PDB file of all heavy atoms in Angstrom:
ATOM      1  N   LYS A   1      29.195  16.691-140.674  1.00  0.00           N
ATOM      2  CA  LYS A   1      29.166  18.101-140.283  1.00  0.00           C
ATOM      3  C   LYS A   1      29.996  18.331-139.029  1.00  0.00           C
ATOM      4  O   LYS A   1      30.699  19.344-138.903  1.00  0.00           O
ATOM      5  CB  LYS A   1      27.725  18.552-140.052  1.00  0.00           C
ATOM      6  CG  LYS A   1      27.580  20.034-139.724  1.00  0.00           C
ATOM      7  CD  LYS A   1      26.120  20.417-139.573  1.00  0.00           C
ATOM      8  CE  LYS A   1      25.969  21.919-139.385  1.00  0.00           C
ATOM      9  NZ  LYS A   1      26.712  22.431-138.219  1.00  0.00           N
ATOM     10  N   ALA A   2      29.923  17.390-138.094  1.00  0.00           N
ATOM     11  CA  ALA A   2      30.695  17.514-136.864  1.00  0.00           C
ATOM     12  C   ALA A   2      32.190  17.566-137.172  1.00  0.00           C
ATOM     13  O   ALA A   2      32.928  18.393-136.623  1.00  0.00           O
ATOM     14  CB  ALA A   2      30.395  16.347-135.926  1.00  0.00           C
ATOM     15  N   PHE A   3      32.641  16.694-138.087  1.00  0.00           N
ATOM     16  CA  PHE A   3      34.063  16.663-138.423  1.00  0.00           C
ATOM     17  C   PHE A   3      34.461  17.913-139.197  1.00  0.00           C
ATOM     18  O   PHE A   3      35.518  18.505-138.952  1.00  0.00           O
ATOM     19  CB  PHE A   3      34.386  15.411-139.240  1.00  0.00           C
ATOM     20  CG  PHE A   3      35.851  15.095-139.306  1.00  0.00           C
ATOM     21  CD1 PHE A   3      36.453  14.332-138.320  1.00  0.00           C
ATOM     22  CD2 PHE A   3      36.634  15.577-140.353  1.00  0.00           C
ATOM     23  CE1 PHE A   3      37.814  14.055-138.362  1.00  0.00           C
ATOM     24  CE2 PHE A   3      37.989  15.301-140.410  1.00  0.00           C
ATOM     25  CZ  PHE A   3      38.579  14.540-139.415  1.00  0.00           C
ATOM     26  N   SER A   4      33.614  18.338-140.136  1.00  0.00           N
ATOM     27  CA  SER A   4      33.902  19.538-140.932  1.00  0.00           C
ATOM     28  C   SER A   4      33.989  20.778-140.051  1.00  0.00           C
ATOM     29  O   SER A   4      34.914  21.598-140.175  1.00  0.00           O
ATOM     30  CB  SER A   4      32.819  19.720-141.996  1.00  0.00           C
ATOM     31  OG  SER A   4      33.040  20.892-142.746  1.00  0.00           O
ATOM     32  N   ASP A   5      33.024  20.930-139.140  1.00  0.00           N
ATOM     33  CA  ASP A   5      33.031  22.097-138.244  1.00  0.00           C
ATOM     34  C   ASP A   5      34.268  22.077-137.348  1.00  0.00           C
ATOM     35  O   ASP A   5      34.885  23.123-137.100  1.00  0.00           O
ATOM     36  CB  ASP A   5      31.767  22.107-137.388  1.00  0.00           C
ATOM     37  CG  ASP A   5      30.519  22.435-138.191  1.00  0.00           C
ATOM     38  OD1 ASP A   5      30.648  22.886-139.341  1.00  0.00           O
ATOM     39  OD2 ASP A   5      29.403  22.235-137.655  1.00  0.00           O
ATOM     40  N   ALA A   6      34.626  20.887-136.862  1.00  0.00           N
ATOM     41  CA  ALA A   6      35.792  20.790-135.985  1.00  0.00           C
ATOM     42  C   ALA A   6      37.079  21.093-136.733  1.00  0.00           C
ATOM     43  O   ALA A   6      38.010  21.696-136.186  1.00  0.00           O
ATOM     44  CB  ALA A   6      35.859  19.392-135.371  1.00  0.00           C
ATOM     45  N   LEU A   7      37.125  20.683-138.005  1.00  0.00           N
ATOM     46  CA  LEU A   7      38.314  20.963-138.810  1.00  0.00           C
ATOM     47  C   LEU A   7      38.519  22.463-138.954  1.00  0.00           C
ATOM     48  O   LEU A   7      39.653  22.967-138.868  1.00  0.00           O
ATOM     49  CB  LEU A   7      38.170  20.306-140.179  1.00  0.00           C
ATOM     50  CG  LEU A   7      39.374  20.384-141.114  1.00  0.00           C
ATOM     51  CD1 LEU A   7      40.592  19.738-140.491  1.00  0.00           C
ATOM     52  CD2 LEU A   7      39.050  19.725-142.449  1.00  0.00           C
ATOM     53  N   THR A   8      37.431  23.177-139.168  1.00  0.00           N
ATOM     54  CA  THR A   8      37.533  24.643-139.276  1.00  0.00           C
ATOM     55  C   THR A   8      37.830  25.275-137.924  1.00  0.00           C
ATOM     56  O   THR A   8      38.741  26.105-137.796  1.00  0.00           O
ATOM     57  CB  THR A   8      36.221  25.219-139.846  1.00  0.00           C
ATOM     58  OG1 THR A   8      35.970  24.640-141.126  1.00  0.00           O
ATOM     59  CG2 THR A   8      36.314  26.730-139.973  1.00  0.00           C
ATOM     60  N   GLU A   9      37.081  24.881-136.912  1.00  0.00           N
ATOM     61  CA  GLU A   9      37.218  25.522-135.595  1.00  0.00           C
ATOM     62  C   GLU A   9      38.550  25.195-134.932  1.00  0.00           C
ATOM     63  O   GLU A   9      39.270  26.092-134.472  1.00  0.00           O
ATOM     64  CB  GLU A   9      36.067  25.077-134.696  1.00  0.00           C
ATOM     65  CG  GLU A   9      36.133  25.644-133.287  1.00  0.00           C
ATOM     66  CD  GLU A   9      35.055  25.104-132.378  1.00  0.00           C
ATOM     67  OE1 GLU A   9      34.054  24.553-132.890  1.00  0.00           O
ATOM     68  OE2 GLU A   9      35.207  25.226-131.141  1.00  0.00           O
ATOM     69  N   VAL A  10      38.887  23.911-134.856  1.00  0.00           N
ATOM     70  CA  VAL A  10      40.088  23.492-134.137  1.00  0.00           C
ATOM     71  C   VAL A  10      41.326  23.545-135.033  1.00  0.00           C
ATOM     72  O   VAL A  10      42.384  24.032-134.624  1.00  0.00           O
ATOM     73  CB  VAL A  10      39.901  22.073-133.557  1.00  0.00           C
ATOM     74  CG1 VAL A  10      41.178  21.614-132.850  1.00  0.00           C
ATOM     75  CG2 VAL A  10      38.720  22.049-132.605  1.00  0.00           C
ATOM     76  N   GLY A  11      41.171  23.052-136.257  1.00  0.00           N
ATOM     77  CA  GLY A  11      42.325  23.019-137.150  1.00  0.00           C
ATOM     78  C   GLY A  11      42.923  24.388-137.386  1.00  0.00           C
ATOM     79  O   GLY A  11      44.155  24.552-137.428  1.00  0.00           O
ATOM     80  N   GLN A  12      42.059  25.398-137.520  1.00  0.00           N
ATOM     81  CA  GLN A  12      42.565  26.739-137.795  1.00  0.00           C
ATOM     82  C   GLN A  12      43.129  27.431-136.552  1.00  0.00           C
ATOM     83  O   GLN A  12      43.751  28.474-136.673  1.00  0.00           O
ATOM     84  CB  GLN A  12      41.468  27.587-138.444  1.00  0.00           C
ATOM     85  CG  GLN A  12      41.172  27.127-139.867  1.00  0.00           C
ATOM     86  CD  GLN A  12      40.208  28.031-140.592  1.00  0.00           C
ATOM     87  OE1 GLN A  12      39.525  28.862-139.994  1.00  0.00           O
ATOM     88  NE2 GLN A  12      40.123  27.863-141.901  1.00  0.00           N
ATOM     89  N   ARG A  13      42.923  26.857-135.396  1.00  0.00           N
ATOM     90  CA  ARG A  13      43.625  27.382-134.225  1.00  0.00           C
ATOM     91  C   ARG A  13      45.110  27.035-134.317  1.00  0.00           C
ATOM     92  O   ARG A  13      45.969  27.828-133.932  1.00  0.00           O
ATOM     93  CB  ARG A  13      43.048  26.790-132.944  1.00  0.00           C
ATOM     94  CG  ARG A  13      41.642  27.239-132.601  1.00  0.00           C
ATOM     95  CD  ARG A  13      41.207  26.574-131.318  1.00  0.00           C
ATOM     96  NE  ARG A  13      39.781  26.723-131.077  1.00  0.00           N
ATOM     97  CZ  ARG A  13      39.097  26.039-130.180  1.00  0.00           C
ATOM     98  NH1 ARG A  13      39.741  25.125-129.438  1.00  0.00           N
ATOM     99  NH2 ARG A  13      37.811  26.223-130.009  1.00  0.00           N
ATOM    100  N   TYR A  14      45.392  25.838-134.804  1.00  0.00           N
ATOM    101  CA  TYR A  14      46.782  25.402-134.941  1.00  0.00           C
ATOM    102  C   TYR A  14      47.424  25.983-136.197  1.00  0.00           C
ATOM    103  O   TYR A  14      48.594  26.380-136.181  1.00  0.00           O
ATOM    104  CB  TYR A  14      46.849  23.875-134.993  1.00  0.00           C
ATOM    105  CG  TYR A  14      46.563  23.205-133.677  1.00  0.00           C
ATOM    106  CD1 TYR A  14      45.254  22.928-133.290  1.00  0.00           C
ATOM    107  CD2 TYR A  14      47.590  22.853-132.818  1.00  0.00           C
ATOM    108  CE1 TYR A  14      44.979  22.311-132.078  1.00  0.00           C
ATOM    109  CE2 TYR A  14      47.332  22.230-131.599  1.00  0.00           C
ATOM    110  CZ  TYR A  14      46.023  21.965-131.231  1.00  0.00           C
ATOM    111  OH  TYR A  14      45.760  21.362-130.022  1.00  0.00           O
ATOM    112  N   PHE A  15      46.650  25.997-137.284  1.00  0.00           N
ATOM    113  CA  PHE A  15      47.147  26.522-138.562  1.00  0.00           C
ATOM    114  C   PHE A  15      46.102  27.484-139.127  1.00  0.00           C
ATOM    115  O   PHE A  15      45.186  27.060-139.842  1.00  0.00           O
ATOM    116  CB  PHE A  15      47.404  25.381-139.549  1.00  0.00           C
ATOM    117  CG  PHE A  15      48.530  24.461-139.153  1.00  0.00           C
ATOM    118  CD1 PHE A  15      48.262  23.283-138.478  1.00  0.00           C
ATOM    119  CD2 PHE A  15      49.848  24.785-139.456  1.00  0.00           C
ATOM    120  CE1 PHE A  15      49.294  22.433-138.104  1.00  0.00           C
ATOM    121  CE2 PHE A  15      50.886  23.946-139.089  1.00  0.00           C
ATOM    122  CZ  PHE A  15      50.616  22.769-138.404  1.00  0.00           C
ATOM    123  N   PRO A  16      46.212  28.783-138.797  1.00  0.00           N
ATOM    124  CA  PRO A  16      45.204  29.748-139.277  1.00  0.00           C
ATOM    125  C   PRO A  16      45.062  29.759-140.797  1.00  0.00           C
ATOM    126  O   PRO A  16      43.986  30.056-141.318  1.00  0.00           O
ATOM    127  CB  PRO A  16      45.740  31.079-138.756  1.00  0.00           C
ATOM    128  CG  PRO A  16      46.543  30.709-137.541  1.00  0.00           C
ATOM    129  CD  PRO A  16      47.181  29.401-137.877  1.00  0.00           C
ATOM    130  N   SER A  17      46.123  29.423-141.529  1.00  0.00           N
ATOM    131  CA  SER A  17      46.061  29.369-142.995  1.00  0.00           C
ATOM    132  C   SER A  17      45.850  27.917-143.434  1.00  0.00           C
ATOM    133  O   SER A  17      46.700  27.312-144.090  1.00  0.00           O
ATOM    134  CB  SER A  17      47.343  29.946-143.609  1.00  0.00           C
ATOM    135  OG  SER A  17      47.492  31.308-143.285  1.00  0.00           O
ATOM    136  N   LEU A  18      44.715  27.360-143.052  1.00  0.00           N
ATOM    137  CA  LEU A  18      44.362  25.980-143.383  1.00  0.00           C
ATOM    138  C   LEU A  18      43.321  26.006-144.494  1.00  0.00           C
ATOM    139  O   LEU A  18      42.306  26.692-144.387  1.00  0.00           O
ATOM    140  CB  LEU A  18      43.823  25.263-142.151  1.00  0.00           C
ATOM    141  CG  LEU A  18      43.415  23.798-142.270  1.00  0.00           C
ATOM    142  CD1 LEU A  18      43.549  23.098-140.907  1.00  0.00           C
ATOM    143  CD2 LEU A  18      41.961  23.649-142.757  1.00  0.00           C
ATOM    144  N   HIS A  19      43.570  25.259-145.568  1.00  0.00           N
ATOM    145  CA  HIS A  19      42.669  25.221-146.720  1.00  0.00           C
ATOM    146  C   HIS A  19      42.163  23.794-146.914  1.00  0.00           C
ATOM    147  O   HIS A  19      42.955  22.872-147.050  1.00  0.00           O
ATOM    148  CB  HIS A  19      43.393  25.684-147.986  1.00  0.00           C
ATOM    149  CG  HIS A  19      44.147  26.967-147.821  1.00  0.00           C
ATOM    150  ND1 HIS A  19      43.528  28.194-147.740  1.00  0.00           N
ATOM    151  CD2 HIS A  19      45.489  27.200-147.689  1.00  0.00           C
ATOM    152  CE1 HIS A  19      44.449  29.137-147.590  1.00  0.00           C
ATOM    153  NE2 HIS A  19      45.634  28.560-147.553  1.00  0.00           N
ATOM    154  N   VAL A  20      40.844  23.627-146.901  1.00  0.00           N
ATOM    155  CA  VAL A  20      40.253  22.309-147.109  1.00  0.00           C
ATOM    156  C   VAL A  20      40.128  22.050-148.606  1.00  0.00           C
ATOM    157  O   VAL A  20      39.641  22.900-149.354  1.00  0.00           O
ATOM    158  CB  VAL A  20      38.870  22.207-146.433  1.00  0.00           C
ATOM    159  CG1 VAL A  20      38.257  20.829-146.689  1.00  0.00           C
ATOM    160  CG2 VAL A  20      38.991  22.463-144.940  1.00  0.00           C
ATOM    161  N   VAL A  21      40.589  20.900-149.067  1.00  0.00           N
ATOM    162  CA  VAL A  21      40.503  20.541-150.481  1.00  0.00           C
ATOM    163  C   VAL A  21      39.573  19.328-150.628  1.00  0.00           C
ATOM    164  O   VAL A  21      39.393  18.576-149.666  1.00  0.00           O
ATOM    165  CB  VAL A  21      41.898  20.202-151.065  1.00  0.00           C
ATOM    166  CG1 VAL A  21      42.760  21.434-151.087  1.00  0.00           C
ATOM    167  CG2 VAL A  21      42.594  19.102-150.270  1.00  0.00           C
ATOM    168  N   PRO A  22      38.941  19.152-151.805  1.00  0.00           N
ATOM    169  CA  PRO A  22      39.158  19.910-153.033  1.00  0.00           C
ATOM    170  C   PRO A  22      38.628  21.334-152.947  1.00  0.00           C
ATOM    171  O   PRO A  22      37.662  21.607-152.237  1.00  0.00           O
ATOM    172  CB  PRO A  22      38.394  19.118-154.085  1.00  0.00           C
ATOM    173  CG  PRO A  22      37.387  18.324-153.338  1.00  0.00           C
ATOM    174  CD  PRO A  22      37.973  18.059-151.992  1.00  0.00           C
ATOM    175  N   SER A  23      39.291  22.226-153.687  1.00  0.00           N
ATOM    176  CA  SER A  23      38.949  23.641-153.625  1.00  0.00           C
ATOM    177  C   SER A  23      39.347  24.308-154.934  1.00  0.00           C
ATOM    178  O   SER A  23      40.261  23.856-155.621  1.00  0.00           O
ATOM    179  CB  SER A  23      39.686  24.306-152.456  1.00  0.00           C
ATOM    180  OG  SER A  23      39.539  25.704-152.486  1.00  0.00           O
ATOM    181  N   THR A  24      38.651  25.372-155.261  1.00  0.00           N
ATOM    182  CA  THR A  24      38.994  26.152-156.452  1.00  0.00           C
ATOM    183  C   THR A  24      39.761  27.410-156.074  1.00  0.00           C
ATOM    184  O   THR A  24      40.029  28.257-156.922  1.00  0.00           O
ATOM    185  CB  THR A  24      37.722  26.566-157.208  1.00  0.00           C
ATOM    186  OG1 THR A  24      36.839  27.289-156.324  1.00  0.00           O
ATOM    187  CG2 THR A  24      36.982  25.341-157.727  1.00  0.00           C
ATOM    188  N   THR A  25      40.125  27.540-154.797  1.00  0.00           N
ATOM    189  CA  THR A  25      40.833  28.732-154.354  1.00  0.00           C
ATOM    190  C   THR A  25      42.202  28.830-155.022  1.00  0.00           C
ATOM    191  O   THR A  25      42.802  27.822-155.411  1.00  0.00           O
ATOM    192  CB  THR A  25      41.008  28.709-152.819  1.00  0.00           C
ATOM    193  OG1 THR A  25      41.740  29.858-152.417  1.00  0.00           O
ATOM    194  CG2 THR A  25      41.788  27.468-152.385  1.00  0.00           C
ATOM    195  N   ASP A  26      42.691  30.059-155.158  1.00  0.00           N
ATOM    196  CA  ASP A  26      44.015  30.262-155.742  1.00  0.00           C
ATOM    197  C   ASP A  26      45.091  30.336-154.655  1.00  0.00           C
ATOM    198  O   ASP A  26      46.218  30.756-154.917  1.00  0.00           O
ATOM    199  CB  ASP A  26      44.049  31.529-156.600  1.00  0.00           C
ATOM    200  CG  ASP A  26      43.684  32.791-155.800  1.00  0.00           C
ATOM    201  OD1 ASP A  26      43.389  32.667-154.593  1.00  0.00           O
ATOM    202  OD2 ASP A  26      43.701  33.881-156.380  1.00  0.00           O
ATOM    203  N   ALA A  27      44.728  29.909-153.438  1.00  0.00           N
ATOM    204  CA  ALA A  27      45.706  29.909-152.342  1.00  0.00           C
ATOM    205  C   ALA A  27      46.817  28.900-152.621  1.00  0.00           C
ATOM    206  O   ALA A  27      46.682  27.997-153.446  1.00  0.00           O
ATOM    207  CB  ALA A  27      45.016  29.584-151.025  1.00  0.00           C
ATOM    208  N   ARG A  28      47.911  29.038-151.890  1.00  0.00           N
ATOM    209  CA  ARG A  28      49.048  28.130-152.029  1.00  0.00           C
ATOM    210  C   ARG A  28      49.307  27.443-150.694  1.00  0.00           C
ATOM    211  O   ARG A  28      48.839  27.889-149.657  1.00  0.00           O
ATOM    212  CB  ARG A  28      50.284  28.873-152.536  1.00  0.00           C
ATOM    213  CG  ARG A  28      50.033  29.474-153.909  1.00  0.00           C
ATOM    214  CD  ARG A  28      51.276  29.962-154.610  1.00  0.00           C
ATOM    215  NE  ARG A  28      50.948  30.257-155.998  1.00  0.00           N
ATOM    216  CZ  ARG A  28      51.109  29.421-157.005  1.00  0.00           C
ATOM    217  NH1 ARG A  28      51.619  28.219-156.775  1.00  0.00           N
ATOM    218  NH2 ARG A  28      50.785  29.739-158.243  1.00  0.00           N
ATOM    219  N   TYR A  29      50.045  26.349-150.749  1.00  0.00           N
ATOM    220  CA  TYR A  29      50.282  25.579-149.538  1.00  0.00           C
ATOM    221  C   TYR A  29      51.725  25.112-149.482  1.00  0.00           C
ATOM    222  O   TYR A  29      52.418  25.012-150.508  1.00  0.00           O
ATOM    223  CB  TYR A  29      49.334  24.387-149.467  1.00  0.00           C
ATOM    224  CG  TYR A  29      49.643  23.295-150.457  1.00  0.00           C
ATOM    225  CD1 TYR A  29      50.432  22.190-150.098  1.00  0.00           C
ATOM    226  CD2 TYR A  29      49.169  23.350-151.770  1.00  0.00           C
ATOM    227  CE1 TYR A  29      50.733  21.192-151.016  1.00  0.00           C
ATOM    228  CE2 TYR A  29      49.461  22.352-152.684  1.00  0.00           C
ATOM    229  CZ  TYR A  29      50.244  21.270-152.301  1.00  0.00           C
ATOM    230  OH  TYR A  29      50.543  20.290-153.206  1.00  0.00           O
ATOM    231  N   ALA A  30      52.161  24.793-148.258  1.00  0.00           N
ATOM    232  CA  ALA A  30      53.506  24.256-148.039  1.00  0.00           C
ATOM    233  C   ALA A  30      53.454  22.792-147.616  1.00  0.00           C
ATOM    234  O   ALA A  30      54.392  22.044-147.868  1.00  0.00           O
ATOM    235  CB  ALA A  30      54.217  25.076-146.964  1.00  0.00           C
ATOM    236  N   LEU A  31      52.362  22.390-146.957  1.00  0.00           N
ATOM    237  CA  LEU A  31      52.177  21.011-146.512  1.00  0.00           C
ATOM    238  C   LEU A  31      50.802  20.530-146.948  1.00  0.00           C
ATOM    239  O   LEU A  31      49.819  21.281-146.890  1.00  0.00           O
ATOM    240  CB  LEU A  31      52.287  20.898-144.987  1.00  0.00           C
ATOM    241  CG  LEU A  31      53.641  21.206-144.344  1.00  0.00           C
ATOM    242  CD1 LEU A  31      53.504  21.168-142.825  1.00  0.00           C
ATOM    243  CD2 LEU A  31      54.707  20.220-144.811  1.00  0.00           C
ATOM    244  N   LEU A  32      50.729  19.263-147.362  1.00  0.00           N
ATOM    245  CA  LEU A  32      49.459  18.647-147.721  1.00  0.00           C
ATOM    246  C   LEU A  32      49.176  17.542-146.709  1.00  0.00           C
ATOM    247  O   LEU A  32      49.987  16.627-146.526  1.00  0.00           O
ATOM    248  CB  LEU A  32      49.528  18.062-149.132  1.00  0.00           C
ATOM    249  CG  LEU A  32      48.315  17.235-149.594  1.00  0.00           C
ATOM    250  CD1 LEU A  32      47.039  18.066-149.564  1.00  0.00           C
ATOM    251  CD2 LEU A  32      48.564  16.673-150.996  1.00  0.00           C
ATOM    252  N   VAL A  33      48.022  17.639-146.052  1.00  0.00           N
ATOM    253  CA  VAL A  33      47.637  16.680-145.015  1.00  0.00           C
ATOM    254  C   VAL A  33      46.458  15.854-145.531  1.00  0.00           C
ATOM    255  O   VAL A  33      45.431  16.401-145.925  1.00  0.00           O
ATOM    256  CB  VAL A  33      47.242  17.396-143.707  1.00  0.00           C
ATOM    257  CG1 VAL A  33      46.876  16.383-142.631  1.00  0.00           C
ATOM    258  CG2 VAL A  33      48.374  18.310-143.243  1.00  0.00           C
ATOM    259  N   ASP A  34      46.628  14.543-145.534  1.00  0.00           N
ATOM    260  CA  ASP A  34      45.585  13.617-145.976  1.00  0.00           C
ATOM    261  C   ASP A  34      44.985  12.949-144.745  1.00  0.00           C
ATOM    262  O   ASP A  34      45.665  12.196-144.043  1.00  0.00           O
ATOM    263  CB  ASP A  34      46.200  12.573-146.918  1.00  0.00           C
ATOM    264  CG  ASP A  34      45.187  11.540-147.381  1.00  0.00           C
ATOM    265  OD1 ASP A  34      43.972  11.800-147.278  1.00  0.00           O
ATOM    266  OD2 ASP A  34      45.618  10.463-147.847  1.00  0.00           O
ATOM    267  N   LEU A  35      43.701  13.222-144.459  1.00  0.00           N
ATOM    268  CA  LEU A  35      43.022  12.663-143.296  1.00  0.00           C
ATOM    269  C   LEU A  35      42.059  11.559-143.718  1.00  0.00           C
ATOM    270  O   LEU A  35      41.318  11.703-144.693  1.00  0.00           O
ATOM    271  CB  LEU A  35      42.230  13.750-142.559  1.00  0.00           C
ATOM    272  CG  LEU A  35      43.018  14.939-142.002  1.00  0.00           C
ATOM    273  CD1 LEU A  35      42.076  15.887-141.264  1.00  0.00           C
ATOM    274  CD2 LEU A  35      44.122  14.469-141.077  1.00  0.00           C
ATOM    275  N   ASP A  36      42.056  10.468-142.974  1.00  0.00           N
ATOM    276  CA  ASP A  36      41.157   9.337-143.243  1.00  0.00           C
ATOM    277  C   ASP A  36      40.410   8.978-141.964  1.00  0.00           C
ATOM    278  O   ASP A  36      40.829   8.106-141.204  1.00  0.00           O
ATOM    279  CB  ASP A  36      41.963   8.138-143.750  1.00  0.00           C
ATOM    280  CG  ASP A  36      41.064   6.945-144.096  1.00  0.00           C
ATOM    281  OD1 ASP A  36      39.846   7.156-144.272  1.00  0.00           O
ATOM    282  OD2 ASP A  36      41.577   5.818-144.186  1.00  0.00           O
ATOM    283  N   PRO A  37      39.286   9.656-141.693  1.00  0.00           N
ATOM    284  CA  PRO A  37      38.515   9.376-140.461  1.00  0.00           C
ATOM    285  C   PRO A  37      37.660   8.125-140.607  1.00  0.00           C
ATOM    286  O   PRO A  37      37.051   7.891-141.646  1.00  0.00           O
ATOM    287  CB  PRO A  37      37.624  10.626-140.309  1.00  0.00           C
ATOM    288  CG  PRO A  37      38.122  11.609-141.331  1.00  0.00           C
ATOM    289  CD  PRO A  37      38.749  10.805-142.414  1.00  0.00           C
ATOM    290  N   GLN A  38      37.608   7.319-139.559  1.00  0.00           N
ATOM    291  CA  GLN A  38      36.764   6.120-139.528  1.00  0.00           C
ATOM    292  C   GLN A  38      35.987   6.107-138.214  1.00  0.00           C
ATOM    293  O   GLN A  38      36.582   6.205-137.141  1.00  0.00           O
ATOM    294  CB  GLN A  38      37.618   4.854-139.634  1.00  0.00           C
ATOM    295  CG  GLN A  38      38.436   4.756-140.910  1.00  0.00           C
ATOM    296  CD  GLN A  38      37.582   4.547-142.145  1.00  0.00           C
ATOM    297  OE1 GLN A  38      36.505   3.952-142.067  1.00  0.00           O
ATOM    298  NE2 GLN A  38      38.038   5.037-143.284  1.00  0.00           N
ATOM    299  N   TRP A  39      34.651   5.974-138.330  1.00  0.00           N
ATOM    300  CA  TRP A  39      33.779   5.953-137.158  1.00  0.00           C
ATOM    301  C   TRP A  39      33.325   4.527-136.874  1.00  0.00           C
ATOM    302  O   TRP A  39      33.098   3.738-137.785  1.00  0.00           O
ATOM    303  CB  TRP A  39      32.546   6.817-137.394  1.00  0.00           C
ATOM    304  CG  TRP A  39      32.802   8.269-137.629  1.00  0.00           C
ATOM    305  CD1 TRP A  39      33.062   8.870-138.827  1.00  0.00           C
ATOM    306  CD2 TRP A  39      32.793   9.298-136.655  1.00  0.00           C
ATOM    307  NE1 TRP A  39      33.216  10.222-138.655  1.00  0.00           N
ATOM    308  CE2 TRP A  39      33.056  10.523-137.335  1.00  0.00           C
ATOM    309  CE3 TRP A  39      32.589   9.326-135.272  1.00  0.00           C
ATOM    310  CZ2 TRP A  39      33.108  11.736-136.680  1.00  0.00           C
ATOM    311  CZ3 TRP A  39      32.646  10.549-134.616  1.00  0.00           C
ATOM    312  CH2 TRP A  39      32.906  11.731-135.309  1.00  0.00           C
ATOM    313  N   LYS A  40      33.137   4.243-135.575  1.00  0.00           N
ATOM    314  CA  LYS A  40      32.632   2.934-135.180  1.00  0.00           C
ATOM    315  C   LYS A  40      31.852   3.068-133.883  1.00  0.00           C
ATOM    316  O   LYS A  40      32.288   3.761-132.962  1.00  0.00           O
ATOM    317  CB  LYS A  40      33.798   1.945-134.998  1.00  0.00           C
ATOM    318  CG  LYS A  40      33.362   0.512-134.734  1.00  0.00           C
ATOM    319  CD  LYS A  40      34.568  -0.407-134.630  1.00  0.00           C
ATOM    320  CE  LYS A  40      34.144  -1.845-134.377  1.00  0.00           C
ATOM    321  NZ  LYS A  40      35.326  -2.753-134.248  1.00  0.00           N
ATOM    322  N   ARG A  41      30.701   2.409-133.824  1.00  0.00           N
ATOM    323  CA  ARG A  41      29.891   2.406-132.604  1.00  0.00           C
ATOM    324  C   ARG A  41      30.314   1.235-131.728  1.00  0.00           C
ATOM    325  O   ARG A  41      30.380   0.095-132.194  1.00  0.00           O
ATOM    326  CB  ARG A  41      28.407   2.294-132.961  1.00  0.00           C
ATOM    327  CG  ARG A  41      27.469   2.238-131.756  1.00  0.00           C
ATOM    328  CD  ARG A  41      27.389   3.576-131.065  1.00  0.00           C
ATOM    329  NE  ARG A  41      26.566   3.484-129.886  1.00  0.00           N
ATOM    330  CZ  ARG A  41      25.261   3.745-129.851  1.00  0.00           C
ATOM    331  NH1 ARG A  41      24.640   4.090-130.972  1.00  0.00           N
ATOM    332  NH2 ARG A  41      24.587   3.668-128.731  1.00  0.00           N
ATOM    333  N   GLU A  42      30.615   1.488-130.470  1.00  0.00           N
ATOM    334  CA  GLU A  42      30.992   0.444-129.518  1.00  0.00           C
ATOM    335  C   GLU A  42      30.157   0.615-128.248  1.00  0.00           C
ATOM    336  O   GLU A  42      30.473   1.451-127.405  1.00  0.00           O
ATOM    337  CB  GLU A  42      32.483   0.517-129.189  1.00  0.00           C
ATOM    338  CG  GLU A  42      33.385   0.247-130.393  1.00  0.00           C
ATOM    339  CD  GLU A  42      34.858   0.239-130.032  1.00  0.00           C
ATOM    340  OE1 GLU A  42      35.177   0.375-128.827  1.00  0.00           O
ATOM    341  OE2 GLU A  42      35.691   0.115-130.946  1.00  0.00           O
TER     342      GLU A  42
END
C-alpha cells in the first residue's frame, strides 16, 4: 500500500498522465515503465 500510494502521489507529480497497469482503461501511452521493487530489512 505504501508503494502504491506513493506511485499515485509522487509519480503523478512528475507525470500527471500516469496509468498503472494491468488496467482495463482505454487510455493510451507513449512510454512503458517496468518497476521491480525489492525490500530488505537491515
